[in-house]
Every structure is written in C-alpha cells, then in structure tokens.
Amino acid sequence: MRNGIWLLLGAVILMCALATLAAAQGTADMVGRVADSSGGVLPGVTVTARHLATNLTRTTVTSETGDYAFTALPIGEYEVKTELSGFRTETSRITLATGDRARVGITSTGLSLRQAGHWRTLSMPPASLGFRT
C-alpha cells in the first residue's frame, strides 16, 4: 500500500513538472491590417500563419476594417500568406519571441513589420505585393 502511494505521488509530481515545462515555451500574438494603395482597407482577405518548425497552420479572414489577429501563437518563425480573389498571393516571414505582439500590415507601397516595439518598413513595388495599380 505504501509503495502505491509513493508511486502515485511521484507520478503527480512528474506531471506537474512536465506541465510547467510545456507552459514555459511561451506564446506571442500577431495582428495587422490589409489595405490597398489608396489606404482603403480590404475586408475578406484570407490570412494564413504557418509555424515553420511544426507546420502548425492558423487561418483567419480580415474584418470589415481590414484587421486580423492571431493570439497565443507558439514562438518561432512564421510564414504569413495573404490571399484575395483578383490579387496575387503574397507571402512573407516573421519571427515571434515570447510576449511579442507583432504587427504585420500590408499595403501596396510596402510591408511594415512591428516587432518588440520597433518598426521596420520594407519598400517594394506594388506589383511585388500583388496589388493592381
């Protein structure tokens, strides 16, 4: 009987330790807005975020204001793809660290990334972003 209690206690401690390690992996959020060259928002754009290490895929559609959000994403490198009928599919990459709230906004004049409170803008011709001019 005593051995059974110790075995059960050991199993509970092991499960708690494993749960703590799993929770320590960390998560991040990714938000953004999709707009055309005039600044008009694009509702109905399919946005897909794929975690490159695990191939975990999350998909959402932009709101009436062109906004989208992914919450509680595992940290790591992501491929972000935007798709809308009549526009070319655009793909970019971003790396998320624990606690990040990365902002990925797409317009016809460039791709803006905001990560850890800093903005970086990559200027690209409109055709490379898939928007018609």
C-alpha atoms as a PDB file:
ATOM      1  CA  MET A   1       0.000   0.000   0.000  1.00  0.00           C
ATOM      2  CA  ARG A   2       2.798   2.438   0.888  1.00  0.00           C
ATOM      3  CA  ASN A   3       4.599   1.743  -2.385  1.00  0.00           C
ATOM      4  CA  GLY A   4       1.427   2.558  -4.305  1.00  0.00           C
ATOM      5  CA  ILE A   5       1.057   5.910  -2.554  1.00  0.00           C
ATOM      6  CA  TRP A   6       4.681   6.835  -3.264  1.00  0.00           C
ATOM      7  CA  LEU A   7       4.271   5.779  -6.878  1.00  0.00           C
ATOM      8  CA  LEU A   8       1.135   7.895  -7.233  1.00  0.00           C
ATOM      9  CA  LEU A   9       2.810  10.875  -5.554  1.00  0.00           C
ATOM     10  CA  GLY A  10       5.823  10.534  -7.867  1.00  0.00           C
ATOM     11  CA  ALA A  11       3.551  10.439 -10.935  1.00  0.00           C
ATOM     12  CA  VAL A  12       1.710  13.599  -9.817  1.00  0.00           C
ATOM     13  CA  ILE A  13       4.995  15.462  -9.247  1.00  0.00           C
ATOM     14  CA  LEU A  14       6.290  14.372 -12.657  1.00  0.00           C
ATOM     15  CA  MET A  15       3.093  15.515 -14.390  1.00  0.00           C
ATOM     16  CA  CYS A  16       3.281  18.924 -12.682  1.00  0.00           C
ATOM     17  CA  ALA A  17       6.914  19.349 -13.725  1.00  0.00           C
ATOM     18  CA  LEU A  18       6.114  18.470 -17.352  1.00  0.00           C
ATOM     19  CA  ALA A  19       3.158  20.865 -17.393  1.00  0.00           C
ATOM     20  CA  THR A  20       5.419  23.660 -16.111  1.00  0.00           C
ATOM     21  CA  LEU A  21       7.971  22.986 -18.844  1.00  0.00           C
ATOM     22  CA  ALA A  22       5.275  22.986 -21.518  1.00  0.00           C
ATOM     23  CA  ALA A  23       3.889  26.303 -20.271  1.00  0.00           C
ATOM     24  CA  ALA A  24       7.384  27.847 -20.300  1.00  0.00           C
ATOM     25  CA  GLN A  25       7.546  27.543 -24.098  1.00  0.00           C
ATOM     26  CA  GLY A  26       5.898  30.949 -24.482  1.00  0.00           C
ATOM     27  CA  THR A  27       3.445  32.442 -26.925  1.00  0.00           C
ATOM     28  CA  ALA A  28       3.079  35.599 -28.988  1.00  0.00           C
ATOM     29  CA  ASP A  29       0.385  37.471 -30.906  1.00  0.00           C
ATOM     30  CA  MET A  30       0.322  38.692 -34.492  1.00  0.00           C
ATOM     31  CA  VAL A  31      -2.040  41.450 -35.622  1.00  0.00           C
ATOM     32  CA  GLY A  32      -2.336  43.527 -38.763  1.00  0.00           C
ATOM     33  CA  ARG A  33      -4.344  45.416 -41.332  1.00  0.00           C
ATOM     34  CA  VAL A  34      -4.528  44.865 -45.090  1.00  0.00           C
ATOM     35  CA  ALA A  35      -5.103  47.957 -47.261  1.00  0.00           C
ATOM     36  CA  ASP A  36      -4.930  48.987 -50.921  1.00  0.00           C
ATOM     37  CA  SER A  37      -2.658  51.663 -52.420  1.00  0.00           C
ATOM     38  CA  SER A  38      -5.066  54.474 -51.515  1.00  0.00           C
ATOM     39  CA  GLY A  39      -5.189  53.357 -47.882  1.00  0.00           C
ATOM     40  CA  GLY A  40      -8.611  51.781 -48.253  1.00  0.00           C
ATOM     41  CA  VAL A  41      -8.951  48.692 -46.115  1.00  0.00           C
ATOM     42  CA  LEU A  42      -9.500  45.277 -47.681  1.00  0.00           C
ATOM     43  CA  PRO A  43     -12.107  43.122 -45.903  1.00  0.00           C
ATOM     44  CA  GLY A  44     -12.381  39.437 -46.698  1.00  0.00           C
ATOM     45  CA  VAL A  45      -8.654  38.767 -47.203  1.00  0.00           C
ATOM     46  CA  THR A  46      -7.632  35.268 -46.087  1.00  0.00           C
ATOM     47  CA  VAL A  47      -4.557  35.463 -43.847  1.00  0.00           C
ATOM     48  CA  THR A  48      -2.681  32.249 -43.010  1.00  0.00           C
ATOM     49  CA  ALA A  49       0.135  31.958 -40.446  1.00  0.00           C
ATOM     50  CA  ARG A  50       2.216  28.742 -40.649  1.00  0.00           C
ATOM     51  CA  HIS A  51       4.746  27.891 -37.925  1.00  0.00           C
ATOM     52  CA  LEU A  52       7.743  26.648 -39.902  1.00  0.00           C
ATOM     53  CA  ALA A  53       9.144  24.302 -37.231  1.00  0.00           C
ATOM     54  CA  THR A  54       5.894  22.416 -36.566  1.00  0.00           C
ATOM     55  CA  ASN A  55       3.832  23.170 -39.691  1.00  0.00           C
ATOM     56  CA  LEU A  56       1.005  24.342 -37.382  1.00  0.00           C
ATOM     57  CA  THR A  57      -1.334  26.478 -39.504  1.00  0.00           C
ATOM     58  CA  ARG A  58      -3.849  29.099 -38.363  1.00  0.00           C
ATOM     59  CA  THR A  59      -6.152  30.905 -40.801  1.00  0.00           C
ATOM     60  CA  THR A  60      -8.443  33.904 -40.401  1.00  0.00           C
ATOM     61  CA  VAL A  61     -10.238  36.426 -42.623  1.00  0.00           C
ATOM     62  CA  THR A  62      -9.828  40.205 -42.324  1.00  0.00           C
ATOM     63  CA  SER A  63     -12.737  42.102 -40.783  1.00  0.00           C
ATOM     64  CA  GLU A  64     -14.742  44.929 -42.347  1.00  0.00           C
ATOM     65  CA  THR A  65     -11.924  47.251 -41.231  1.00  0.00           C
ATOM     66  CA  GLY A  66      -9.233  45.059 -42.867  1.00  0.00           C
ATOM     67  CA  ASP A  67      -7.902  43.908 -39.500  1.00  0.00           C
ATOM     68  CA  TYR A  68      -6.876  40.407 -38.449  1.00  0.00           C
ATOM     69  CA  ALA A  69      -5.421  38.844 -35.303  1.00  0.00           C
ATOM     70  CA  PHE A  70      -3.755  35.614 -34.250  1.00  0.00           C
ATOM     71  CA  THR A  71      -3.369  35.149 -30.490  1.00  0.00           C
ATOM     72  CA  ALA A  72      -1.413  32.657 -28.394  1.00  0.00           C
ATOM     73  CA  LEU A  73       0.836  31.527 -31.264  1.00  0.00           C
ATOM     74  CA  PRO A  74       3.802  29.334 -30.299  1.00  0.00           C
ATOM     75  CA  ILE A  75       7.050  31.300 -30.601  1.00  0.00           C
ATOM     76  CA  GLY A  76       9.270  30.798 -33.644  1.00  0.00           C
ATOM     77  CA  GLU A  77       9.447  31.631 -37.340  1.00  0.00           C
ATOM     78  CA  TYR A  78       6.217  32.003 -39.332  1.00  0.00           C
ATOM     79  CA  GLU A  79       5.265  32.225 -42.965  1.00  0.00           C
ATOM     80  CA  VAL A  80       2.379  34.690 -43.367  1.00  0.00           C
ATOM     81  CA  LYS A  81       0.293  34.430 -46.527  1.00  0.00           C
ATOM     82  CA  THR A  82      -2.467  36.773 -47.716  1.00  0.00           C
ATOM     83  CA  GLU A  83      -4.978  35.789 -50.395  1.00  0.00           C
ATOM     84  CA  LEU A  84      -7.855  37.663 -52.037  1.00  0.00           C
ATOM     85  CA  SER A  85      -9.591  36.974 -55.332  1.00  0.00           C
ATOM     86  CA  GLY A  86      -8.289  39.345 -58.000  1.00  0.00           C
ATOM     87  CA  PHE A  87      -4.991  39.926 -56.167  1.00  0.00           C
ATOM     88  CA  ARG A  88      -1.752  37.971 -56.265  1.00  0.00           C
ATOM     89  CA  THR A  89      -0.998  35.861 -53.187  1.00  0.00           C
ATOM     90  CA  GLU A  90       1.698  37.465 -51.009  1.00  0.00           C
ATOM     91  CA  THR A  91       3.946  35.558 -48.602  1.00  0.00           C
ATOM     92  CA  SER A  92       6.364  36.926 -46.003  1.00  0.00           C
ATOM     93  CA  ARG A  93       8.208  35.647 -42.914  1.00  0.00           C
ATOM     94  CA  ILE A  94       8.371  36.899 -39.349  1.00  0.00           C
ATOM     95  CA  THR A  95       9.951  35.542 -36.171  1.00  0.00           C
ATOM     96  CA  LEU A  96       7.954  35.741 -32.941  1.00  0.00           C
ATOM     97  CA  ALA A  97       9.527  35.733 -29.470  1.00  0.00           C
ATOM     98  CA  THR A  98       7.793  35.195 -26.134  1.00  0.00           C
ATOM     99  CA  GLY A  99       5.393  38.025 -25.333  1.00  0.00           C
ATOM    100  CA  ASP A 100       5.625  39.686 -28.762  1.00  0.00           C
ATOM    101  CA  ARG A 101       2.616  41.439 -30.254  1.00  0.00           C
ATOM    102  CA  ALA A 102       3.939  41.691 -33.794  1.00  0.00           C
ATOM    103  CA  ARG A 103       2.099  43.950 -36.216  1.00  0.00           C
ATOM    104  CA  VAL A 104       2.198  42.867 -39.857  1.00  0.00           C
ATOM    105  CA  GLY A 105       0.332  45.299 -42.081  1.00  0.00           C
ATOM    106  CA  ILE A 106       0.261  45.055 -45.865  1.00  0.00           C
ATOM    107  CA  THR A 107      -0.345  47.882 -48.342  1.00  0.00           C
ATOM    108  CA  SER A 108       0.527  48.318 -51.990  1.00  0.00           C
ATOM    109  CA  THR A 109       3.528  50.505 -51.089  1.00  0.00           C
ATOM    110  CA  GLY A 110       5.333  48.168 -48.739  1.00  0.00           C
ATOM    111  CA  LEU A 111       5.278  45.638 -45.961  1.00  0.00           C
ATOM    112  CA  SER A 112       5.610  47.040 -42.440  1.00  0.00           C
ATOM    113  CA  LEU A 113       6.721  44.865 -39.561  1.00  0.00           C
ATOM    114  CA  ARG A 114       6.454  45.984 -35.966  1.00  0.00           C
ATOM    115  CA  GLN A 115       8.166  43.639 -33.583  1.00  0.00           C
ATOM    116  CA  ALA A 116       9.164  44.264 -29.972  1.00  0.00           C
ATOM    117  CA  GLY A 117       8.152  47.927 -30.252  1.00  0.00           C
ATOM    118  CA  HIS A 118      10.272  48.753 -33.307  1.00  0.00           C
ATOM    119  CA  TRP A 119       9.036  49.434 -36.857  1.00  0.00           C
ATOM    120  CA  ARG A 120      10.869  48.214 -39.944  1.00  0.00           C
ATOM    121  CA  THR A 121       9.467  49.059 -43.374  1.00  0.00           C
ATOM    122  CA  LEU A 122      10.380  47.097 -46.466  1.00  0.00           C
ATOM    123  CA  SER A 123       9.542  49.118 -49.572  1.00  0.00           C
ATOM    124  CA  MET A 124       8.511  47.047 -52.551  1.00  0.00           C
ATOM    125  CA  PRO A 125       6.899  47.961 -55.861  1.00  0.00           C
ATOM    126  CA  PRO A 126       3.102  47.473 -55.799  1.00  0.00           C
ATOM    127  CA  ALA A 127       3.246  44.574 -58.258  1.00  0.00           C
ATOM    128  CA  SER A 128       5.507  42.592 -55.914  1.00  0.00           C
ATOM    129  CA  LEU A 129       2.825  42.802 -53.216  1.00  0.00           C
ATOM    130  CA  GLY A 130       0.125  41.509 -55.505  1.00  0.00           C
ATOM    131  CA  PHE A 131      -1.966  44.664 -55.729  1.00  0.00           C
ATOM    132  CA  ARG A 132      -3.077  46.058 -59.058  1.00  0.00           C
ATOM    133  CA  THR A 133      -2.189  49.673 -59.745  1.00  0.00           C
END
